[in-house]
């Protein structure tokens, strides 16, 4: 059982998160696709709590593990103190670097291009970091799509239709398949300097469909659990404070507990977590509540990798209204 990280102590929280189940992802024979061993249980967990723990096969997650082991070494090319953007056309990714007082971030997006025979070009510039970034992007996209498919089935949303009409470019209709994608792979390095009073990452929910997170090198991720479904207020839009408990729960210790359980059961893989984003909350009309989370201050620097699966355009309405042709634009919602 592997996470690819060295663990350190983190900040105090009201209590730790608890995952009732670790959901195993299985490779589909002779393809790069994954499937959940129990999709209904996976979606049920995400509907109840907005987050689920998943076990990704080690060979699928290998490039992701290498990124985590390399840690801040992934930033060596970028640490010039200014924003920069570079495209790696042969690897099919675009990279943007940003440095702030509290952290630095390297953000990757896939560049979709088509050859004459409608196959996707993929390559490498020979740089191992670039290769790992490209392959980690593909790995995490596959994991996110697997989780999205399970959630869509439970919510009664036709996943294939959703992706074709509104999904990121590689899954959309032919006319819009070329160009830079909307989904992002973010590498975060939090400095945690004692002199900096700014909160590393304030409470928020991610805007997209599904976010996949690794176990960070220094536990500081905290989340607010939703109240039980029968105690939730009537849903109108994401961000209703009354739909969540007041206290914060530490997430990484719960990931470690999942890894221990998997080890005792002789299951191999890498523990990741899947978070519901605000777009999925809207599309499901609140059946899935987005995960409210933050990164707290901690002693020592922190590195992590996060992937956000996003639609090609903003979707502001429940699926029934989107599918019936109503506006997807915020200014025209009724």
Protein backbone atom coordinates (compact mmCIF):
# COMPACT_ATOMS: atom_id res chain seq x y z
CA UNK A 1 0.00 0.00 0.00
CA UNK A 2 1.59 3.25 -1.11
CA UNK A 3 0.97 6.98 -0.97
CA UNK A 4 4.37 8.10 -2.26
CA UNK A 5 4.78 10.67 0.52
CA UNK A 6 6.54 11.21 3.83
CA UNK A 7 3.97 12.16 6.46
CA UNK A 8 4.33 14.91 9.03
CA UNK A 9 2.16 16.15 11.87
CA UNK A 10 -0.50 18.72 11.04
CA UNK A 11 -2.73 21.28 12.72
CA UNK A 12 -5.34 20.49 15.33
CA UNK A 13 -8.95 20.08 14.21
CA UNK A 14 -12.22 19.39 15.99
CA UNK A 15 -11.96 15.74 14.93
CA UNK A 16 -10.78 13.54 12.08
CA UNK A 17 -12.77 12.62 9.03
CA UNK A 18 -13.86 8.99 8.74
CA UNK A 19 -14.30 7.00 5.54
CA UNK A 20 -16.66 4.05 6.01
CA UNK A 21 -15.38 2.39 2.86
CA UNK A 22 -12.34 2.45 0.59
CA UNK A 23 -13.60 2.10 -2.98
CA UNK A 24 -11.36 0.02 -5.22
CA UNK A 25 -10.91 0.99 -8.86
CA UNK A 26 -10.25 -1.86 -11.27
CA UNK A 27 -8.58 -1.76 -14.66
CA UNK A 28 -10.79 -2.71 -17.58
CA UNK A 29 -9.03 -5.50 -19.47
CA UNK A 30 -6.74 -4.33 -22.31
CA UNK A 31 -7.85 -0.70 -22.03
CA UNK A 32 -6.77 2.37 -20.06
CA UNK A 33 -10.24 2.69 -18.52
CA UNK A 34 -11.08 2.09 -14.87
CA UNK A 35 -14.25 0.91 -13.20
CA UNK A 36 -15.32 1.02 -9.57
CA UNK A 37 -15.75 -2.34 -7.89
CA UNK A 38 -19.09 -1.07 -6.54
CA UNK A 39 -20.17 2.10 -8.42
CA UNK A 40 -23.42 2.43 -6.48
CA UNK A 41 -21.61 2.40 -3.13
CA UNK A 42 -19.04 4.92 -4.39
CA UNK A 43 -21.76 7.31 -5.56
CA UNK A 44 -23.69 6.79 -2.33
CA UNK A 45 -20.70 7.85 -0.25
CA UNK A 46 -20.21 10.96 -2.36
CA UNK A 47 -23.91 11.83 -2.07
CA UNK A 48 -23.81 11.52 1.73
CA UNK A 49 -20.56 13.35 2.44
CA UNK A 50 -19.34 15.06 -0.73
CA UNK A 51 -16.09 13.07 -0.65
CA UNK A 52 -15.01 9.45 -1.02
CA UNK A 53 -11.77 7.50 -0.59
CA UNK A 54 -10.64 5.45 -3.56
CA UNK A 55 -7.87 2.93 -4.15
CA UNK A 56 -6.18 3.40 -7.53
CA UNK A 57 -4.09 0.57 -9.03
CA UNK A 58 -0.38 1.12 -8.44
CA UNK A 59 0.66 0.81 -12.07
CA UNK A 60 -1.97 3.36 -13.14
CA UNK A 61 -0.90 5.79 -10.40
CA UNK A 62 2.87 5.33 -10.94
CA UNK A 63 3.48 8.73 -12.63
CA UNK A 64 1.44 10.41 -9.90
CA UNK A 65 3.55 8.74 -7.22
CA UNK A 66 6.70 9.98 -8.94
CA UNK A 67 5.39 13.56 -8.89
CA UNK A 68 4.66 13.27 -5.18
CA UNK A 69 8.07 11.77 -4.46
CA UNK A 70 9.78 14.52 -6.46
CA UNK A 71 7.79 17.10 -4.48
CA UNK A 72 9.11 20.63 -4.76
CA UNK A 73 11.64 19.41 -7.32
CA UNK A 74 8.81 19.69 -9.85
CA UNK A 75 9.16 23.48 -9.53
CA UNK A 76 12.91 23.81 -10.17
CA UNK A 77 12.43 25.13 -13.71
CA UNK A 78 9.87 27.69 -12.57
CA UNK A 79 11.21 29.24 -9.37
CA UNK A 80 12.17 32.54 -10.98
CA UNK A 81 9.75 34.60 -8.91
CA UNK A 82 7.46 35.67 -11.75
CA UNK A 83 4.44 34.32 -13.58
CA UNK A 84 5.17 32.34 -16.69
CA UNK A 85 3.33 30.21 -19.22
CA UNK A 86 4.87 27.56 -21.45
CA UNK A 87 3.40 25.10 -23.94
CA UNK A 88 4.83 21.62 -24.48
CA UNK A 89 3.19 20.77 -27.84
CA UNK A 90 4.76 17.32 -28.20
CA UNK A 91 3.49 16.32 -24.75
CA UNK A 92 0.08 17.89 -25.31
CA UNK A 93 0.11 20.09 -22.21
CA UNK A 94 0.27 23.79 -21.38
CA UNK A 95 1.85 24.90 -18.09
CA UNK A 96 1.32 28.13 -16.15
CA UNK A 97 3.37 29.04 -13.06
CA UNK A 98 2.28 31.45 -10.33
CA UNK A 99 4.05 32.43 -7.12
CA UNK A 100 2.38 34.14 -4.14
CA UNK A 101 3.52 34.94 -0.63
CA UNK A 102 1.89 31.85 0.81
CA UNK A 103 2.45 29.30 -1.99
CA UNK A 104 3.56 28.57 -5.52
CA UNK A 105 1.43 26.73 -8.06
CA UNK A 106 2.14 24.97 -11.32
CA UNK A 107 -1.05 24.49 -13.35
CA UNK A 108 -1.30 22.09 -16.29
CA UNK A 109 -4.00 21.82 -18.95
CA UNK A 110 -4.26 19.29 -21.75
CA UNK A 111 -4.03 20.59 -25.31
CA UNK A 112 -6.35 18.61 -27.55
CA UNK A 113 -5.28 18.25 -31.18
CA UNK A 114 -6.48 15.92 -33.90
CA UNK A 115 -4.66 14.17 -36.69
CA UNK A 116 -6.25 13.32 -40.00
CA UNK A 117 -7.29 9.88 -38.82
CA UNK A 118 -9.05 11.27 -35.72
CA UNK A 119 -6.52 9.89 -33.26
CA UNK A 120 -5.04 11.95 -30.47
CA UNK A 121 -1.40 12.88 -30.67
CA UNK A 122 0.62 12.21 -27.55
CA UNK A 123 4.35 12.46 -27.16
CA UNK A 124 7.22 13.49 -24.96
CA UNK A 125 10.00 16.05 -25.11
CA UNK A 126 12.28 13.60 -23.31
CA UNK A 127 12.12 15.46 -19.97
CA UNK A 128 11.04 13.05 -17.21
CA UNK A 129 9.14 15.74 -15.30
CA UNK A 130 7.16 16.61 -18.43
CA UNK A 131 6.48 12.94 -19.11
CA UNK A 132 5.24 12.39 -15.54
CA UNK A 133 3.07 15.52 -15.68
CA UNK A 134 1.47 14.37 -18.92
CA UNK A 135 0.86 10.83 -17.66
CA UNK A 136 -0.38 11.99 -14.25
CA UNK A 137 -2.85 14.25 -16.04
CA UNK A 138 -4.18 11.24 -17.94
CA UNK A 139 -4.29 9.06 -14.82
CA UNK A 140 -6.24 11.57 -12.75
CA UNK A 141 -8.64 12.36 -15.59
CA UNK A 142 -9.46 8.65 -15.84
CA UNK A 143 -10.05 8.41 -12.08
CA UNK A 144 -12.27 11.51 -12.11
CA UNK A 145 -14.32 10.24 -15.05
CA UNK A 146 -14.86 6.92 -13.27
CA UNK A 147 -16.21 8.73 -10.20
CA UNK A 148 -18.33 11.06 -12.34
CA UNK A 149 -19.89 8.13 -14.15
CA UNK A 150 -20.94 6.52 -10.86
CA UNK A 151 -22.41 9.79 -9.57
CA UNK A 152 -24.28 10.50 -12.80
CA UNK A 153 -25.89 7.05 -12.71
CA UNK A 154 -27.16 7.63 -9.17
CA UNK A 155 -28.43 11.12 -10.04
CA UNK A 156 -30.12 10.03 -13.27
CA UNK A 157 -27.81 12.12 -15.46
CA UNK A 158 -26.72 10.54 -18.78
CA UNK A 159 -22.95 10.86 -18.39
CA UNK A 160 -22.11 10.27 -22.06
CA UNK A 161 -24.54 12.98 -23.16
CA UNK A 162 -23.26 15.38 -20.50
CA UNK A 163 -19.66 14.92 -21.65
CA UNK A 164 -20.46 15.15 -25.35
CA UNK A 165 -22.50 18.34 -25.01
CA UNK A 166 -20.68 20.12 -22.18
CA UNK A 167 -17.59 18.09 -21.30
CA UNK A 168 -13.98 19.11 -21.72
CA UNK A 169 -12.62 19.18 -25.25
CA UNK A 170 -11.42 15.60 -25.54
CA UNK A 171 -14.92 14.31 -24.77
CA UNK A 172 -16.99 16.93 -26.57
CA UNK A 173 -18.58 16.96 -30.01
CA UNK A 174 -16.14 17.01 -32.91
CA UNK A 175 -16.53 20.73 -33.64
CA UNK A 176 -14.94 21.83 -30.35
CA UNK A 177 -12.41 19.07 -29.70
CA UNK A 178 -9.32 21.10 -30.62
CA UNK A 179 -7.69 23.53 -28.17
CA UNK A 180 -6.69 23.98 -24.55
CA UNK A 181 -8.80 22.09 -22.05
CA UNK A 182 -10.66 23.57 -19.07
CA UNK A 183 -9.76 20.80 -16.60
CA UNK A 184 -6.61 21.49 -14.59
CA UNK A 185 -3.84 19.60 -12.82
CA UNK A 186 -2.45 21.77 -10.01
CA UNK A 187 0.81 21.21 -8.17
CA UNK A 188 0.84 23.18 -4.90
CA UNK A 189 3.81 24.03 -2.71
CA UNK A 190 2.78 25.80 0.52
CA UNK A 191 5.70 27.56 2.20
CA UNK A 192 4.13 27.82 5.69
CA UNK A 193 6.53 30.58 6.68
CA UNK A 194 5.99 31.64 10.29
CA UNK A 195 6.19 35.30 9.25
CA UNK A 196 3.24 34.96 6.83
CA UNK A 197 -0.14 35.50 8.49
CA UNK A 198 -2.19 34.72 5.38
CA UNK A 199 -4.28 31.54 5.51
CA UNK A 200 -2.81 28.99 3.05
CA UNK A 201 -6.15 28.27 1.35
CA UNK A 202 -9.47 29.59 2.64
CA UNK A 203 -12.73 27.67 2.83
CA UNK A 204 -14.15 26.97 -0.61
CA UNK A 205 -15.67 24.35 -2.86
CA UNK A 206 -14.07 23.63 -6.21
CA UNK A 207 -16.08 24.95 -9.17
CA UNK A 208 -15.95 21.89 -11.42
CA UNK A 209 -17.48 18.43 -11.49
CA UNK A 210 -15.05 16.21 -9.57
CA UNK A 211 -11.70 16.93 -7.88
CA UNK A 212 -9.14 14.19 -7.21
CA UNK A 213 -6.56 14.79 -4.47
CA UNK A 214 -3.44 12.92 -3.40
CA UNK A 215 -2.36 12.48 0.20
CA UNK A 216 -0.18 15.55 0.79
CA UNK A 217 3.33 15.55 2.27
CA UNK A 218 2.12 17.47 5.34
CA UNK A 219 -1.43 16.99 6.66
CA UNK A 220 -3.38 20.25 6.65
CA UNK A 221 -6.47 19.52 4.53
CA UNK A 222 -9.71 20.02 6.45
CA UNK A 223 -13.33 19.60 5.39
CA UNK A 224 -16.81 20.28 6.74
CA UNK A 225 -19.16 17.32 6.66
CA UNK A 226 -22.67 17.82 5.26
CA UNK A 227 -25.53 17.32 7.69
CA UNK A 228 -27.58 14.13 7.08
CA UNK A 229 -29.78 14.33 3.96
CA UNK A 230 -33.03 14.40 5.96
CA UNK A 231 -31.76 17.41 7.97
CA UNK A 232 -30.64 19.52 5.02
CA UNK A 233 -32.53 22.67 4.05
CA UNK A 234 -34.32 22.75 0.71
CA UNK A 235 -31.68 23.09 -1.97
CA UNK A 236 -31.50 26.23 -4.10
CA UNK A 237 -27.82 26.72 -4.98
CA UNK A 238 -24.33 25.67 -3.80
CA UNK A 239 -22.81 27.19 -0.67
CA UNK A 240 -25.71 26.97 1.80
CA UNK A 241 -23.97 27.15 5.18
CA UNK A 242 -26.83 25.42 7.00
CA UNK A 243 -26.25 22.27 4.93
CA UNK A 244 -22.89 21.64 6.64
CA UNK A 245 -21.67 20.94 10.15
CA UNK A 246 -19.85 23.79 11.87
CA UNK A 247 -16.65 21.99 12.82
CA UNK A 248 -13.66 21.12 10.66
CA UNK A 249 -12.33 17.58 10.27
CA UNK A 250 -8.81 16.58 9.30
CA UNK A 251 -8.82 14.51 6.11
CA UNK A 252 -5.29 13.12 5.72
CA UNK A 253 -5.39 10.96 8.90
CA UNK A 254 -8.49 9.28 7.45
CA UNK A 255 -6.60 8.62 4.21
CA UNK A 256 -3.80 7.04 6.24
CA UNK A 257 -6.33 4.84 8.03
CA UNK A 258 -7.64 3.68 4.64
CA UNK A 259 -4.11 2.82 3.56
CA UNK A 260 -3.64 0.76 6.72
CA UNK A 261 -6.90 -1.11 6.15
CA UNK A 262 -5.91 -1.85 2.56
CA UNK A 263 -2.52 -3.11 3.70
CA UNK A 264 -4.09 -5.43 6.26
CA UNK A 265 -6.38 -6.76 3.52
CA UNK A 266 -3.36 -7.30 1.22
CA UNK A 267 -4.77 -4.82 -1.30
CA UNK A 268 -2.21 -2.82 -3.26
CA UNK A 269 -2.80 0.64 -4.65
CA UNK A 270 -2.60 4.35 -3.96
CA UNK A 271 -5.23 6.05 -1.79
CA UNK A 272 -6.80 9.13 -3.39
CA UNK A 273 -9.91 11.09 -2.52
CA UNK A 274 -12.67 12.35 -4.81
CA UNK A 275 -14.48 15.60 -3.97
CA UNK A 276 -17.81 16.80 -5.37
CA UNK A 277 -17.56 20.17 -7.14
CA UNK A 278 -20.16 22.93 -7.40
CA UNK A 279 -21.08 22.10 -11.01
CA UNK A 280 -22.04 18.54 -10.07
CA UNK A 281 -24.03 19.93 -7.12
CA UNK A 282 -26.01 22.15 -9.50
CA UNK A 283 -26.51 19.46 -12.14
CA UNK A 284 -27.80 17.03 -9.48
CA UNK A 285 -30.05 19.71 -7.90
CA UNK A 286 -28.33 19.18 -4.56
CA UNK A 287 -28.38 15.37 -4.56
CA UNK A 288 -24.59 15.70 -4.31
CA UNK A 289 -23.37 18.55 -2.10
CA UNK A 290 -20.02 20.07 -3.01
CA UNK A 291 -17.20 19.47 -0.54
CA UNK A 292 -16.37 22.55 1.55
CA UNK A 293 -12.68 22.37 2.39
CA UNK A 294 -9.61 24.43 3.23
CA UNK A 295 -5.87 24.09 3.81
CA UNK A 296 -4.86 25.17 7.32
CA UNK A 297 -1.48 26.40 8.48
CA UNK A 298 1.01 23.71 9.42
CA UNK A 299 4.60 23.43 10.57
CA UNK A 300 6.91 22.86 7.63
CA UNK A 301 6.33 23.13 3.91
CA UNK A 302 3.58 21.17 2.18
CA UNK A 303 3.31 19.72 -1.33
CA UNK A 304 0.28 18.22 -3.02
CA UNK A 305 -1.29 17.43 -6.37
CA UNK A 306 -4.94 18.10 -7.26
CA UNK A 307 -6.90 17.49 -10.47
CA UNK A 308 -10.17 19.28 -11.25
CA UNK A 309 -12.45 17.77 -13.90
CA UNK A 310 -14.34 20.72 -15.35
CA UNK A 311 -16.97 21.13 -18.08
CA UNK A 312 -16.18 23.07 -21.22
CA UNK A 313 -18.60 25.81 -20.20
CA UNK A 314 -20.30 26.98 -17.01
CA UNK A 315 -23.45 25.06 -16.12
CA UNK A 316 -25.70 26.92 -13.70
CA UNK A 317 -28.89 24.82 -13.70
CA UNK A 318 -29.99 21.29 -12.76
CA UNK A 319 -29.56 18.73 -15.53
CA UNK A 320 -33.29 18.50 -16.32
CA UNK A 321 -33.34 22.20 -17.19
CA UNK A 322 -30.01 22.11 -19.02
CA UNK A 323 -31.13 19.11 -21.09
CA UNK A 324 -34.41 20.83 -21.97
CA UNK A 325 -32.51 23.68 -23.60
CA UNK A 326 -32.68 26.33 -20.88
CA UNK A 327 -29.82 28.78 -20.63
CA UNK A 328 -26.51 27.74 -19.09
CA UNK A 329 -25.55 31.40 -18.57
CA UNK A 330 -25.74 32.88 -15.04
CA UNK A 331 -27.41 36.09 -16.14
CA UNK A 332 -30.26 34.19 -17.76
CA UNK A 333 -31.11 31.69 -15.05
CA UNK A 334 -34.78 31.68 -14.07
